[in-house]
Amino acid sequence: MTKIIGLTGGIGSGKSTVAALFTEKGIPVYIADDAAKAILDQPDVTAQVVAVFGSGITNGAVIDRRKLAAIVFDHPEKLAQLNAIVHPAVRRDFENWVAKHRDKSFVVKEAAILFESGTDKDCDAVITVVAPEEIRIGRVMMRDGVGREEVLKRMQRQWTDAQKVALSDYVIENTDLQFTRRQVNEILKKLQKI
């Protein structure tokens, strides 16, 4: 039976870097955010989102993600409506993806809101990636071209590192690539025994 290893961490912690290190080692990695974006473009999902949020959120036949984000970002009830449409579709997509990798002893599911969405319960183990707050802020400002206040606002919407770490089986401190690589190698040795 293929084990599912959850990989999470706050914005700017370096989840993508850690995911890439697992991929380098030949471990299949499912990126939940990428899957959600692709699923949002599926005609049936697009139709459901338009039914809830109106045709003003589309650009032609495609959902305008900026318009949608502007609606849901500061309105938890609107975000919950969107998640009620997208999360079940992502869950089905992930289950199909796992079935395609059933020859592997384990796979990694990278999800920013693994704990917040409750999908950590579907994992056999969870890895949380952490980094000092100032490093995280700097990474996101550079990556997304946004100001400090915007990054802090995004951070406030996520669980704290302490909350995630308390529920995790493994923690990776992502401040230096070589150190991060060593931690991934150590965790891989342990995962091969579960």
Protein backbone atom coordinates (compact mmCIF):
# COMPACT_ATOMS: atom_id res chain seq x y z
CA MET A 1 0.00 0.00 0.00
CA THR A 2 1.42 3.38 -1.03
CA LYS A 3 2.01 5.67 1.95
CA ILE A 4 1.10 9.35 1.68
CA ILE A 5 3.57 11.84 3.12
CA GLY A 6 2.19 15.34 3.61
CA LEU A 7 4.53 18.26 3.00
CA THR A 8 3.49 21.68 4.26
CA GLY A 9 4.80 24.95 5.63
CA GLY A 10 3.94 28.61 5.77
CA ILE A 11 4.23 30.98 2.84
CA GLY A 12 7.88 31.53 1.93
CA SER A 13 9.12 28.60 4.01
CA GLY A 14 10.51 26.82 0.95
CA LYS A 15 8.04 23.97 0.39
CA SER A 16 8.76 24.09 -3.34
CA THR A 17 12.49 23.72 -2.73
CA VAL A 18 11.92 20.70 -0.50
CA ALA A 19 9.42 19.22 -2.98
CA ALA A 20 12.06 19.58 -5.73
CA LEU A 21 14.60 17.73 -3.56
CA PHE A 22 12.16 14.82 -3.15
CA THR A 23 11.54 14.83 -6.91
CA GLU A 24 15.31 14.70 -7.49
CA LYS A 25 15.34 11.50 -5.43
CA GLY A 26 12.70 9.94 -7.67
CA ILE A 27 9.82 10.40 -5.21
CA PRO A 28 6.55 11.39 -6.93
CA VAL A 29 5.33 14.77 -5.60
CA TYR A 30 1.78 16.09 -6.00
CA ILE A 31 1.58 19.89 -5.80
CA ALA A 32 -1.96 20.60 -4.54
CA ASP A 33 -1.92 24.33 -5.44
CA ASP A 34 -0.95 23.58 -9.06
CA ALA A 35 -3.64 20.91 -9.25
CA ALA A 36 -6.25 23.33 -7.85
CA LYS A 37 -5.35 25.93 -10.49
CA ALA A 38 -5.70 23.37 -13.28
CA ILE A 39 -8.97 22.07 -11.84
CA LEU A 40 -10.37 25.62 -11.71
CA ASP A 41 -10.02 25.67 -15.52
CA GLN A 42 -12.10 22.50 -16.01
CA PRO A 43 -15.43 23.48 -17.62
CA ASP A 44 -17.61 21.79 -14.98
CA VAL A 45 -15.71 23.42 -12.11
CA THR A 46 -15.65 26.79 -13.89
CA ALA A 47 -19.44 26.56 -14.30
CA GLN A 48 -19.92 25.86 -10.57
CA VAL A 49 -17.68 28.80 -9.60
CA VAL A 50 -19.51 31.14 -12.00
CA ALA A 51 -22.85 29.97 -10.59
CA VAL A 52 -21.72 31.05 -7.11
CA PHE A 53 -19.65 34.17 -7.88
CA GLY A 54 -21.23 35.46 -11.11
CA SER A 55 -19.99 35.84 -14.68
CA GLY A 56 -18.03 38.98 -13.72
CA ILE A 57 -15.16 36.77 -12.53
CA THR A 58 -14.47 35.38 -15.99
CA ASN A 59 -12.28 36.58 -18.78
CA GLY A 60 -13.92 34.94 -21.75
CA ALA A 61 -14.49 31.30 -20.77
CA VAL A 62 -11.71 31.31 -18.18
CA ILE A 63 -11.87 32.38 -14.55
CA ASP A 64 -9.88 35.55 -13.88
CA ARG A 65 -7.91 34.46 -10.81
CA ARG A 66 -7.17 38.04 -9.73
CA LYS A 67 -10.85 38.94 -9.71
CA LEU A 68 -11.70 35.75 -7.83
CA ALA A 69 -8.88 36.33 -5.33
CA ALA A 70 -10.10 39.88 -4.71
CA ILE A 71 -13.51 38.47 -3.77
CA VAL A 72 -12.39 35.61 -1.52
CA PHE A 73 -9.24 37.01 0.07
CA ASP A 74 -10.84 39.13 2.78
CA HIS A 75 -14.13 37.23 3.04
CA PRO A 76 -13.79 33.87 4.84
CA GLU A 77 -17.37 32.88 3.94
CA LYS A 78 -16.66 33.43 0.22
CA LEU A 79 -13.41 31.46 0.51
CA ALA A 80 -15.34 28.63 2.17
CA GLN A 81 -17.78 28.61 -0.78
CA LEU A 82 -14.89 28.39 -3.24
CA ASN A 83 -13.17 25.66 -1.23
CA ALA A 84 -16.41 23.65 -1.13
CA ILE A 85 -16.24 23.51 -4.94
CA VAL A 86 -12.49 23.08 -5.48
CA HIS A 87 -11.38 20.86 -2.57
CA PRO A 88 -13.53 17.80 -3.45
CA ALA A 89 -12.28 18.02 -7.06
CA VAL A 90 -8.66 18.20 -5.86
CA ARG A 91 -9.26 15.24 -3.53
CA ARG A 92 -10.56 13.14 -6.46
CA ASP A 93 -7.63 14.24 -8.63
CA PHE A 94 -5.16 13.31 -5.89
CA GLU A 95 -6.75 9.88 -5.39
CA ASN A 96 -6.43 9.21 -9.14
CA TRP A 97 -2.81 10.42 -9.05
CA VAL A 98 -1.98 8.12 -6.12
CA ALA A 99 -3.53 5.17 -7.99
CA LYS A 100 -1.12 5.84 -10.88
CA HIS A 101 1.81 5.65 -8.42
CA ARG A 102 0.69 2.58 -6.46
CA ASP A 103 3.96 0.85 -7.37
CA LYS A 104 5.80 3.36 -5.12
CA SER A 105 6.23 2.73 -1.40
CA PHE A 106 5.36 6.36 -0.73
CA VAL A 107 4.45 9.62 -2.44
CA VAL A 108 4.54 13.22 -1.27
CA LYS A 109 1.56 15.58 -1.24
CA GLU A 110 2.68 19.21 -1.02
CA ALA A 111 -0.09 21.49 0.25
CA ALA A 112 0.16 24.92 1.84
CA ILE A 113 -3.03 24.41 3.84
CA LEU A 114 -2.64 20.70 4.66
CA PHE A 115 -3.67 21.17 8.30
CA GLU A 116 -6.14 23.99 7.68
CA SER A 117 -8.03 21.86 5.13
CA GLY A 118 -7.97 18.75 7.34
CA THR A 119 -6.22 16.67 4.67
CA ASP A 120 -3.36 15.91 7.06
CA LYS A 121 -5.67 13.15 8.38
CA ASP A 122 -5.21 11.33 5.05
CA CYS A 123 -1.42 11.25 5.47
CA ASP A 124 0.72 8.53 7.01
CA ALA A 125 3.27 11.17 8.10
CA VAL A 126 3.62 14.94 7.78
CA ILE A 127 6.70 17.06 7.15
CA THR A 128 6.57 20.78 7.94
CA VAL A 129 9.07 23.16 6.38
CA VAL A 130 10.04 26.16 8.53
CA ALA A 131 12.25 29.22 8.15
CA PRO A 132 12.69 32.40 10.20
CA GLU A 133 9.91 34.92 9.56
CA GLU A 134 12.18 37.63 8.11
CA ILE A 135 13.65 35.19 5.60
CA ARG A 136 10.14 34.08 4.61
CA ILE A 137 8.98 37.69 4.18
CA GLY A 138 12.00 38.50 2.01
CA ARG A 139 11.48 35.42 -0.17
CA VAL A 140 7.81 36.21 -0.83
CA MET A 141 8.47 39.90 -1.49
CA MET A 142 11.09 38.95 -4.07
CA ARG A 143 9.11 36.06 -5.59
CA ASP A 144 5.73 37.82 -5.86
CA GLY A 145 6.84 41.44 -6.17
CA VAL A 146 4.65 42.49 -3.23
CA GLY A 147 5.25 44.70 -0.21
CA ARG A 148 5.93 43.62 3.37
CA GLU A 149 2.39 44.44 4.54
CA GLU A 150 0.87 42.20 1.86
CA VAL A 151 3.13 39.30 2.90
CA LEU A 152 2.23 39.76 6.58
CA LYS A 153 -1.45 39.80 5.66
CA ARG A 154 -1.06 36.48 3.83
CA MET A 155 0.89 34.99 6.74
CA GLN A 156 -1.88 35.89 9.17
CA ARG A 157 -4.31 33.74 7.18
CA GLN A 158 -2.23 30.61 7.72
CA TRP A 159 -1.51 28.57 10.81
CA THR A 160 1.69 29.49 12.65
CA ASP A 161 4.81 27.34 12.37
CA ALA A 162 4.34 26.33 16.02
CA GLN A 163 0.82 25.05 15.32
CA LYS A 164 2.02 23.01 12.33
CA VAL A 165 5.17 21.71 14.00
CA ALA A 166 3.16 20.45 16.99
CA LEU A 167 1.19 18.14 14.66
CA SER A 168 4.08 17.09 12.39
CA ASP A 169 6.19 13.96 12.34
CA TYR A 170 9.21 15.70 10.80
CA VAL A 171 10.42 19.30 10.56
CA ILE A 172 12.82 20.69 7.97
CA GLU A 173 14.54 23.99 8.69
CA ASN A 174 15.03 25.57 5.27
CA THR A 175 17.66 28.28 5.61
CA ASP A 176 20.56 26.79 3.65
CA LEU A 177 20.18 24.49 0.65
CA GLN A 178 22.92 22.04 1.67
CA PHE A 179 21.50 21.77 5.20
CA THR A 180 18.00 21.31 3.76
CA ARG A 181 19.27 18.59 1.40
CA ARG A 182 20.87 16.73 4.36
CA GLN A 183 17.59 16.89 6.30
CA VAL A 184 15.64 15.53 3.31
CA ASN A 185 18.12 12.63 3.02
CA GLU A 186 17.74 11.83 6.74
CA ILE A 187 13.95 11.89 6.53
CA LEU A 188 14.02 9.68 3.41
CA LYS A 189 15.94 7.03 5.36
CA LYS A 190 13.27 7.09 8.08
CA LEU A 191 10.38 7.07 5.60
CA GLN A 192 11.74 3.96 3.92
CA LYS A 193 11.14 2.14 7.22
CA ILE A 194 7.47 3.06 7.66
